[in-house]
């Protein structure tokens, strides 16, 4: 009755197991769910035959781990290792990388005459003037002009090395 599965998602006191496709059958899934429900450490066990998953909930991680060890030793579930992915970069890191890439591209295309800050100042100024000509002086037009002026003011500062 052993069912091969891997951890699909984990949160404190909660785990979702993904049943291996080659081991899946609705009958086996229900048998394993019933066996898991007998564990005193698990508060909730729910099988989903559509997604081939089993949801396990316990009061804390220690009880969840104890229940997993029990069912693994009883040959109810064989936990397979999951391929670990690299830690995803933060949003700040991905934006920073994307902006640096665009800055390098602008530098290459313009032979070093235009950088990202200059391009943003030009775009903001153009959009600000466009909004002002439509009669939207405040807040849209003036705000864009103010941001552009702020960027131009900082353009005289030396670039910081990181």
N, C-alpha and C. Protein backbone atom coordinates (compact mmCIF):
# COMPACT_ATOMS: atom_id res chain seq x y z
N UNK A 1 0.81 -1.19 0.00
CA UNK A 1 0.00 0.00 0.00
C UNK A 1 0.85 1.27 0.00
N UNK A 2 2.17 1.15 -0.09
CA UNK A 2 3.04 2.33 -0.07
C UNK A 2 2.77 3.21 -1.28
N UNK A 3 2.68 4.50 -1.03
CA UNK A 3 2.40 5.47 -2.07
C UNK A 3 3.57 6.45 -2.13
N UNK A 4 4.16 6.60 -3.31
CA UNK A 4 5.28 7.53 -3.46
C UNK A 4 4.74 8.95 -3.61
N UNK A 5 5.33 9.87 -2.85
CA UNK A 5 4.90 11.27 -2.89
C UNK A 5 6.07 12.18 -2.59
N UNK A 6 5.92 13.43 -2.95
CA UNK A 6 6.93 14.43 -2.62
C UNK A 6 6.21 15.67 -2.06
N UNK A 7 6.94 16.46 -1.32
CA UNK A 7 6.37 17.66 -0.71
C UNK A 7 6.20 18.71 -1.80
N UNK A 8 4.95 19.11 -2.00
CA UNK A 8 4.65 20.13 -3.00
C UNK A 8 4.69 21.52 -2.38
N UNK A 9 4.20 21.64 -1.16
CA UNK A 9 4.14 22.93 -0.47
C UNK A 9 4.22 22.68 1.02
N UNK A 10 4.89 23.59 1.72
CA UNK A 10 5.01 23.45 3.16
C UNK A 10 4.87 24.81 3.82
N UNK A 11 4.09 24.86 4.87
CA UNK A 11 3.94 26.05 5.71
C UNK A 11 3.92 25.54 7.15
N UNK A 12 4.09 26.41 8.14
CA UNK A 12 4.10 25.94 9.53
C UNK A 12 2.84 25.15 9.88
N UNK A 13 3.03 23.88 10.25
CA UNK A 13 1.93 23.01 10.63
C UNK A 13 1.08 22.52 9.48
N UNK A 14 1.52 22.73 8.26
CA UNK A 14 0.72 22.36 7.09
C UNK A 14 1.64 21.89 5.97
N UNK A 15 1.21 20.85 5.27
CA UNK A 15 2.00 20.31 4.18
C UNK A 15 1.09 19.71 3.12
N UNK A 16 1.44 19.93 1.86
CA UNK A 16 0.70 19.32 0.75
C UNK A 16 1.67 18.38 0.04
N UNK A 17 1.25 17.12 -0.05
CA UNK A 17 2.06 16.11 -0.73
C UNK A 17 1.52 15.87 -2.13
N UNK A 18 2.41 15.74 -3.09
CA UNK A 18 2.04 15.42 -4.47
C UNK A 18 2.32 13.94 -4.69
N UNK A 19 1.29 13.19 -5.02
CA UNK A 19 1.43 11.75 -5.25
C UNK A 19 2.04 11.54 -6.63
N UNK A 20 3.02 10.65 -6.70
CA UNK A 20 3.67 10.35 -7.97
C UNK A 20 2.64 9.79 -8.96
N UNK A 21 2.74 10.23 -10.20
CA UNK A 21 1.76 9.84 -11.21
C UNK A 21 1.73 8.33 -11.43
N UNK A 22 2.90 7.72 -11.41
CA UNK A 22 2.95 6.27 -11.68
C UNK A 22 2.37 5.44 -10.53
N UNK A 23 2.28 6.02 -9.33
CA UNK A 23 1.73 5.29 -8.18
C UNK A 23 0.26 5.61 -7.92
N UNK A 24 -0.31 6.50 -8.68
CA UNK A 24 -1.63 7.02 -8.35
C UNK A 24 -2.77 6.10 -8.78
N UNK A 25 -3.69 5.93 -7.86
CA UNK A 25 -5.02 5.38 -8.14
C UNK A 25 -5.92 5.92 -7.03
N UNK A 26 -7.19 6.12 -7.36
CA UNK A 26 -8.10 6.69 -6.36
C UNK A 26 -8.24 5.79 -5.15
N UNK A 27 -8.23 4.49 -5.39
CA UNK A 27 -8.39 3.54 -4.28
C UNK A 27 -7.18 3.63 -3.35
N UNK A 28 -5.98 3.63 -3.93
CA UNK A 28 -4.77 3.72 -3.10
C UNK A 28 -4.72 5.05 -2.35
N UNK A 29 -5.14 6.13 -3.03
CA UNK A 29 -5.15 7.44 -2.38
C UNK A 29 -6.07 7.41 -1.16
N UNK A 30 -7.28 6.85 -1.32
CA UNK A 30 -8.23 6.79 -0.20
C UNK A 30 -7.70 5.90 0.93
N UNK A 31 -7.03 4.79 0.58
CA UNK A 31 -6.44 3.92 1.61
C UNK A 31 -5.39 4.67 2.42
N UNK A 32 -4.53 5.42 1.72
CA UNK A 32 -3.47 6.17 2.39
C UNK A 32 -4.07 7.29 3.25
N UNK A 33 -5.08 7.97 2.74
CA UNK A 33 -5.74 9.03 3.51
C UNK A 33 -6.33 8.45 4.80
N UNK A 34 -6.98 7.29 4.70
CA UNK A 34 -7.55 6.66 5.89
C UNK A 34 -6.45 6.28 6.89
N UNK A 35 -5.33 5.77 6.39
CA UNK A 35 -4.22 5.41 7.27
C UNK A 35 -3.65 6.66 7.95
N UNK A 36 -3.54 7.75 7.19
CA UNK A 36 -3.02 9.00 7.76
C UNK A 36 -3.97 9.58 8.81
N UNK A 37 -5.27 9.41 8.61
CA UNK A 37 -6.24 9.94 9.55
C UNK A 37 -6.14 9.25 10.92
N UNK A 38 -5.56 8.06 10.95
CA UNK A 38 -5.40 7.36 12.23
C UNK A 38 -4.26 7.93 13.07
N UNK A 39 -3.42 8.76 12.48
CA UNK A 39 -2.30 9.34 13.22
C UNK A 39 -2.82 10.38 14.21
N UNK A 40 -2.46 10.25 15.49
CA UNK A 40 -2.95 11.20 16.49
C UNK A 40 -2.32 12.59 16.35
N UNK A 41 -1.21 12.67 15.62
CA UNK A 41 -0.52 13.96 15.48
C UNK A 41 -1.11 14.85 14.40
N UNK A 42 -1.93 14.28 13.54
CA UNK A 42 -2.50 15.07 12.44
C UNK A 42 -3.90 15.53 12.80
N UNK A 43 -4.13 16.81 12.64
CA UNK A 43 -5.43 17.40 12.93
C UNK A 43 -6.39 17.23 11.75
N UNK A 44 -5.84 17.31 10.52
CA UNK A 44 -6.68 17.22 9.33
C UNK A 44 -5.91 16.52 8.22
N UNK A 45 -6.58 15.63 7.53
CA UNK A 45 -6.02 14.94 6.37
C UNK A 45 -7.08 14.97 5.28
N UNK A 46 -6.67 15.43 4.09
CA UNK A 46 -7.64 15.54 3.00
C UNK A 46 -6.95 15.14 1.70
N UNK A 47 -7.54 14.18 1.01
CA UNK A 47 -7.01 13.74 -0.28
C UNK A 47 -7.79 14.37 -1.42
N UNK A 48 -7.09 14.69 -2.49
CA UNK A 48 -7.74 15.27 -3.67
C UNK A 48 -7.32 14.44 -4.88
N UNK A 49 -8.20 13.59 -5.39
CA UNK A 49 -7.84 12.73 -6.52
C UNK A 49 -7.66 13.50 -7.83
N UNK A 50 -8.25 14.67 -7.95
CA UNK A 50 -8.12 15.45 -9.18
C UNK A 50 -6.70 15.99 -9.33
N UNK A 51 -6.14 16.51 -8.24
CA UNK A 51 -4.79 17.08 -8.30
C UNK A 51 -3.72 16.10 -7.82
N UNK A 52 -4.13 14.90 -7.39
CA UNK A 52 -3.22 13.88 -6.87
C UNK A 52 -2.43 14.41 -5.66
N UNK A 53 -3.12 15.12 -4.75
CA UNK A 53 -2.45 15.67 -3.59
C UNK A 53 -3.12 15.22 -2.30
N UNK A 54 -2.33 15.29 -1.22
CA UNK A 54 -2.83 15.00 0.12
C UNK A 54 -2.43 16.18 1.00
N UNK A 55 -3.41 16.78 1.65
CA UNK A 55 -3.17 17.90 2.54
C UNK A 55 -3.09 17.38 3.96
N UNK A 56 -2.02 17.75 4.65
CA UNK A 56 -1.82 17.35 6.04
C UNK A 56 -1.73 18.60 6.90
N UNK A 57 -2.46 18.61 8.02
CA UNK A 57 -2.38 19.73 8.95
C UNK A 57 -2.18 19.19 10.35
N UNK A 58 -1.30 19.86 11.09
CA UNK A 58 -1.04 19.51 12.49
C UNK A 58 -0.95 20.81 13.28
N UNK A 59 -0.86 20.69 14.60
CA UNK A 59 -0.80 21.89 15.43
C UNK A 59 0.53 22.63 15.28
N UNK A 60 1.59 21.90 14.95
CA UNK A 60 2.89 22.54 14.76
C UNK A 60 3.77 21.66 13.88
N UNK A 61 4.94 22.17 13.52
CA UNK A 61 5.84 21.43 12.64
C UNK A 61 6.37 20.14 13.27
N UNK A 62 6.58 20.15 14.58
CA UNK A 62 7.10 18.96 15.25
C UNK A 62 6.11 17.80 15.14
N UNK A 63 4.83 18.08 15.36
CA UNK A 63 3.82 17.03 15.25
C UNK A 63 3.68 16.55 13.81
N UNK A 64 3.78 17.48 12.87
CA UNK A 64 3.71 17.13 11.46
C UNK A 64 4.87 16.21 11.08
N UNK A 65 6.07 16.55 11.54
CA UNK A 65 7.25 15.74 11.25
C UNK A 65 7.14 14.37 11.90
N UNK A 66 6.63 14.31 13.11
CA UNK A 66 6.45 13.03 13.81
C UNK A 66 5.48 12.15 13.03
N UNK A 67 4.37 12.73 12.57
CA UNK A 67 3.38 11.97 11.80
C UNK A 67 3.98 11.45 10.50
N UNK A 68 4.78 12.27 9.84
CA UNK A 68 5.42 11.83 8.59
C UNK A 68 6.38 10.68 8.83
N UNK A 69 7.14 10.77 9.91
CA UNK A 69 8.07 9.68 10.25
C UNK A 69 7.31 8.39 10.54
N UNK A 70 6.19 8.50 11.26
CA UNK A 70 5.38 7.32 11.58
C UNK A 70 4.86 6.64 10.32
N UNK A 71 4.27 7.41 9.42
CA UNK A 71 3.70 6.81 8.22
C UNK A 71 4.78 6.32 7.26
N UNK A 72 5.93 6.95 7.31
CA UNK A 72 7.04 6.50 6.47
C UNK A 72 7.57 5.15 6.98
N UNK A 73 7.69 5.03 8.31
CA UNK A 73 8.16 3.77 8.90
C UNK A 73 7.14 2.65 8.71
N UNK A 74 5.86 2.99 8.68
CA UNK A 74 4.80 2.00 8.48
C UNK A 74 4.61 1.69 7.00
N UNK A 75 5.43 2.26 6.15
CA UNK A 75 5.40 2.04 4.69
C UNK A 75 4.06 2.44 4.08
N UNK A 76 3.48 3.50 4.61
CA UNK A 76 2.25 4.04 4.04
C UNK A 76 2.60 5.01 2.91
N UNK A 77 3.60 5.88 3.19
CA UNK A 77 4.07 6.85 2.20
C UNK A 77 5.58 6.77 2.09
N UNK A 78 6.05 6.81 0.87
CA UNK A 78 7.49 6.89 0.62
C UNK A 78 7.75 8.32 0.13
N UNK A 79 8.38 9.13 0.98
CA UNK A 79 8.65 10.52 0.60
C UNK A 79 9.88 10.56 -0.30
N UNK A 80 9.68 11.06 -1.48
CA UNK A 80 10.77 11.20 -2.44
C UNK A 80 11.35 12.61 -2.33
N UNK A 81 12.65 12.72 -2.54
CA UNK A 81 13.23 14.07 -2.50
C UNK A 81 12.73 14.91 -3.67
N UNK A 82 12.62 16.17 -3.43
CA UNK A 82 12.17 17.10 -4.45
C UNK A 82 13.38 17.84 -4.99
N UNK A 83 13.39 18.04 -6.31
CA UNK A 83 14.47 18.86 -6.87
C UNK A 83 14.31 20.26 -6.31
N UNK A 84 15.34 20.75 -5.67
CA UNK A 84 15.25 22.08 -5.11
C UNK A 84 15.66 23.09 -6.17
N UNK A 85 14.95 24.16 -6.20
CA UNK A 85 15.25 25.26 -7.11
C UNK A 85 16.06 26.30 -6.36
N UNK A 86 16.77 27.10 -7.10
CA UNK A 86 17.50 28.18 -6.46
C UNK A 86 16.52 29.14 -5.80
N UNK A 87 16.99 29.80 -4.76
CA UNK A 87 16.16 30.79 -4.09
C UNK A 87 15.82 31.89 -5.09
N UNK A 88 14.53 32.15 -5.31
CA UNK A 88 14.18 33.20 -6.28
C UNK A 88 14.68 34.55 -5.79
N UNK A 89 15.12 35.37 -6.73
CA UNK A 89 15.60 36.68 -6.33
C UNK A 89 14.43 37.56 -5.89
N UNK A 90 14.75 38.53 -5.06
CA UNK A 90 13.70 39.42 -4.58
C UNK A 90 13.24 40.33 -5.70
N UNK A 91 12.11 40.96 -5.50
CA UNK A 91 11.58 41.89 -6.49
C UNK A 91 12.56 43.04 -6.72
N UNK A 92 13.15 43.51 -5.63
CA UNK A 92 14.13 44.60 -5.74
C UNK A 92 15.31 44.18 -6.61
N UNK A 93 15.81 42.97 -6.38
CA UNK A 93 16.95 42.48 -7.17
C UNK A 93 16.60 42.33 -8.64
N UNK A 94 15.39 41.81 -8.93
CA UNK A 94 15.01 41.61 -10.33
C UNK A 94 14.80 42.95 -11.03
N UNK A 95 14.18 43.93 -10.36
CA UNK A 95 14.02 45.25 -10.96
C UNK A 95 15.38 45.89 -11.19
N UNK A 96 16.25 45.79 -10.19
CA UNK A 96 17.58 46.38 -10.30
C UNK A 96 18.34 45.78 -11.48
N UNK A 97 18.28 44.45 -11.62
CA UNK A 97 18.96 43.78 -12.72
C UNK A 97 18.38 44.22 -14.06
N UNK A 98 17.06 44.34 -14.13
CA UNK A 98 16.41 44.73 -15.37
C UNK A 98 16.77 46.18 -15.76
N UNK A 99 16.82 47.07 -14.78
CA UNK A 99 17.17 48.47 -15.05
C UNK A 99 18.63 48.58 -15.48
N UNK A 100 19.50 47.83 -14.83
CA UNK A 100 20.92 47.85 -15.23
C UNK A 100 21.09 47.33 -16.66
N UNK A 101 20.33 46.31 -17.01
CA UNK A 101 20.40 45.77 -18.36
C UNK A 101 19.93 46.82 -19.38
N UNK A 102 18.83 47.52 -19.07
CA UNK A 102 18.34 48.57 -19.97
C UNK A 102 19.33 49.72 -20.05
N UNK A 103 19.97 50.05 -18.94
CA UNK A 103 20.96 51.12 -18.92
C UNK A 103 22.16 50.76 -19.81
N UNK A 104 22.62 49.52 -19.71
CA UNK A 104 23.74 49.07 -20.56
C UNK A 104 23.35 49.11 -22.04
N UNK A 105 22.10 48.67 -22.33
CA UNK A 105 21.62 48.68 -23.71
C UNK A 105 21.60 50.10 -24.26
N UNK A 106 21.05 51.05 -23.48
CA UNK A 106 21.02 52.45 -23.92
C UNK A 106 22.43 52.98 -24.16
N UNK A 107 23.34 52.63 -23.29
CA UNK A 107 24.73 53.07 -23.45
C UNK A 107 25.37 52.52 -24.71
N UNK A 108 25.09 51.24 -25.00
CA UNK A 108 25.66 50.62 -26.22
C UNK A 108 25.07 51.24 -27.48
N UNK A 109 23.75 51.42 -27.48
CA UNK A 109 23.07 51.95 -28.66
C UNK A 109 23.48 53.40 -28.94
N UNK A 110 23.69 54.19 -27.87
CA UNK A 110 24.00 55.61 -28.06
C UNK A 110 25.49 55.90 -27.94
N UNK A 111 26.32 54.88 -27.98
CA UNK A 111 27.78 55.05 -27.82
C UNK A 111 28.13 55.79 -26.53
N UNK A 112 27.40 55.52 -25.47
CA UNK A 112 27.69 56.09 -24.16
C UNK A 112 27.15 57.49 -23.94
N UNK A 113 26.38 58.02 -24.86
CA UNK A 113 25.87 59.39 -24.70
C UNK A 113 24.60 59.45 -23.87
N UNK A 114 23.81 58.37 -23.83
CA UNK A 114 22.54 58.37 -23.10
C UNK A 114 22.58 57.26 -22.05
N UNK A 115 22.19 57.62 -20.83
CA UNK A 115 22.05 56.59 -19.79
C UNK A 115 20.57 56.51 -19.40
N UNK A 116 20.26 55.63 -18.50
CA UNK A 116 18.88 55.39 -18.12
C UNK A 116 18.25 56.63 -17.48
N UNK A 117 19.00 57.33 -16.65
CA UNK A 117 18.48 58.52 -15.99
C UNK A 117 18.08 59.57 -17.02
N UNK A 118 18.92 59.79 -18.02
CA UNK A 118 18.62 60.77 -19.06
C UNK A 118 17.36 60.37 -19.82
N UNK A 119 17.24 59.10 -20.15
CA UNK A 119 16.06 58.62 -20.87
C UNK A 119 14.79 58.83 -20.04
N UNK A 120 14.85 58.55 -18.75
CA UNK A 120 13.69 58.72 -17.88
C UNK A 120 13.33 60.20 -17.76
N UNK A 121 14.33 61.08 -17.66
CA UNK A 121 14.06 62.52 -17.60
C UNK A 121 13.35 62.97 -18.87
N UNK A 122 13.82 62.52 -20.02
CA UNK A 122 13.20 62.89 -21.30
C UNK A 122 11.76 62.40 -21.35
N UNK A 123 11.53 61.15 -20.98
CA UNK A 123 10.17 60.58 -21.02
C UNK A 123 9.25 61.32 -20.06
N UNK A 124 9.70 61.55 -18.82
CA UNK A 124 8.85 62.24 -17.84
C UNK A 124 8.55 63.67 -18.27
N UNK A 125 9.55 64.36 -18.80
CA UNK A 125 9.32 65.72 -19.26
C UNK A 125 8.32 65.75 -20.40
N UNK A 126 8.49 64.84 -21.36
CA UNK A 126 7.57 64.78 -22.49
C UNK A 126 6.14 64.46 -22.04
N UNK A 127 6.00 63.49 -21.17
CA UNK A 127 4.66 63.15 -20.66
C UNK A 127 4.07 64.29 -19.85
N UNK A 128 4.90 64.96 -19.05
CA UNK A 128 4.42 66.08 -18.25
C UNK A 128 3.91 67.21 -19.13
N UNK A 129 4.68 67.55 -20.17
CA UNK A 129 4.25 68.61 -21.09
C UNK A 129 2.97 68.18 -21.81
N UNK A 130 2.89 66.92 -22.19
CA UNK A 130 1.68 66.41 -22.84
C UNK A 130 0.45 66.55 -21.96
N UNK A 131 0.59 66.23 -20.69
CA UNK A 131 -0.53 66.36 -19.75
C UNK A 131 -0.92 67.83 -19.56
N UNK A 132 0.09 68.69 -19.49
CA UNK A 132 -0.18 70.11 -19.30
C UNK A 132 -0.92 70.70 -20.50
N UNK A 133 -0.56 70.27 -21.72
CA UNK A 133 -1.25 70.80 -22.90
C UNK A 133 -2.70 70.32 -22.97
N UNK A 134 -3.02 69.24 -22.28
CA UNK A 134 -4.40 68.75 -22.24
C UNK A 134 -5.19 69.42 -21.12
N UNK A 135 -4.53 70.32 -20.41
CA UNK A 135 -5.22 71.03 -19.33
C UNK A 135 -5.09 70.35 -17.99
N UNK A 136 -4.30 69.29 -17.89
CA UNK A 136 -4.14 68.57 -16.62
C UNK A 136 -2.83 69.03 -15.96
N UNK A 137 -2.82 70.34 -15.63
CA UNK A 137 -1.61 70.92 -15.05
C UNK A 137 -1.25 70.23 -13.74
N UNK A 138 -2.24 70.15 -12.87
CA UNK A 138 -2.04 69.45 -11.61
C UNK A 138 -3.01 68.29 -11.57
N UNK A 139 -2.75 67.21 -11.06
CA UNK A 139 -1.49 66.77 -10.49
C UNK A 139 -0.56 66.12 -11.51
N UNK A 140 -1.11 65.57 -12.62
CA UNK A 140 -0.31 64.72 -13.50
C UNK A 140 0.87 65.43 -14.15
N UNK A 141 0.62 66.52 -14.84
CA UNK A 141 1.67 67.19 -15.60
C UNK A 141 2.79 67.71 -14.72
N UNK A 142 2.42 68.45 -13.70
CA UNK A 142 3.43 69.05 -12.82
C UNK A 142 4.20 67.99 -12.04
N UNK A 143 3.53 66.93 -11.65
CA UNK A 143 4.20 65.87 -10.91
C UNK A 143 5.31 65.23 -11.75
N UNK A 144 5.02 64.95 -13.01
CA UNK A 144 6.03 64.35 -13.88
C UNK A 144 7.21 65.30 -14.09
N UNK A 145 6.91 66.58 -14.27
CA UNK A 145 7.97 67.58 -14.44
C UNK A 145 8.84 67.64 -13.18
N UNK A 146 8.19 67.58 -12.00
CA UNK A 146 8.93 67.64 -10.73
C UNK A 146 9.85 66.42 -10.57
N UNK A 147 9.34 65.24 -10.93
CA UNK A 147 10.19 64.04 -10.87
C UNK A 147 11.37 64.18 -11.82
N UNK A 148 11.11 64.67 -13.02
CA UNK A 148 12.19 64.86 -14.00
C UNK A 148 13.23 65.84 -13.47
N UNK A 149 12.76 66.94 -12.87
CA UNK A 149 13.69 67.93 -12.31
C UNK A 149 14.51 67.33 -11.18
N UNK A 150 13.86 66.51 -10.37
CA UNK A 150 14.59 65.84 -9.28
C UNK A 150 15.67 64.91 -9.81
N UNK A 151 15.36 64.20 -10.87
CA UNK A 151 16.36 63.31 -11.47
C UNK A 151 17.50 64.11 -12.10
N UNK A 152 17.18 65.22 -12.75
CA UNK A 152 18.24 66.05 -13.36
C UNK A 152 19.13 66.63 -12.28
N UNK A 153 18.54 67.01 -11.15
CA UNK A 153 19.32 67.57 -10.05
C UNK A 153 20.32 66.55 -9.53
N UNK A 154 19.91 65.28 -9.46
CA UNK A 154 20.80 64.22 -8.98
C UNK A 154 21.80 63.77 -10.04
N UNK A 155 21.59 64.16 -11.29
CA UNK A 155 22.49 63.68 -12.34
C UNK A 155 23.87 64.29 -12.22
N UNK A 156 24.00 65.40 -11.48
CA UNK A 156 25.32 65.99 -11.30
C UNK A 156 26.10 65.30 -10.19
N UNK A 157 25.40 64.50 -9.37
CA UNK A 157 26.08 63.75 -8.31
C UNK A 157 26.93 62.65 -8.90
N UNK A 158 28.08 62.38 -8.28
CA UNK A 158 28.88 61.25 -8.78
C UNK A 158 28.15 59.94 -8.50
N UNK A 159 28.31 58.98 -9.39
CA UNK A 159 27.66 57.67 -9.21
C UNK A 159 28.31 56.93 -8.06
N UNK A 160 27.47 56.34 -7.22
CA UNK A 160 27.96 55.57 -6.09
C UNK A 160 28.39 54.19 -6.54
N UNK A 161 29.47 53.72 -5.97
CA UNK A 161 29.91 52.35 -6.26
C UNK A 161 29.32 51.44 -5.22
N UNK A 162 28.85 50.29 -5.66
CA UNK A 162 28.24 49.33 -4.73
C UNK A 162 29.12 48.15 -4.53
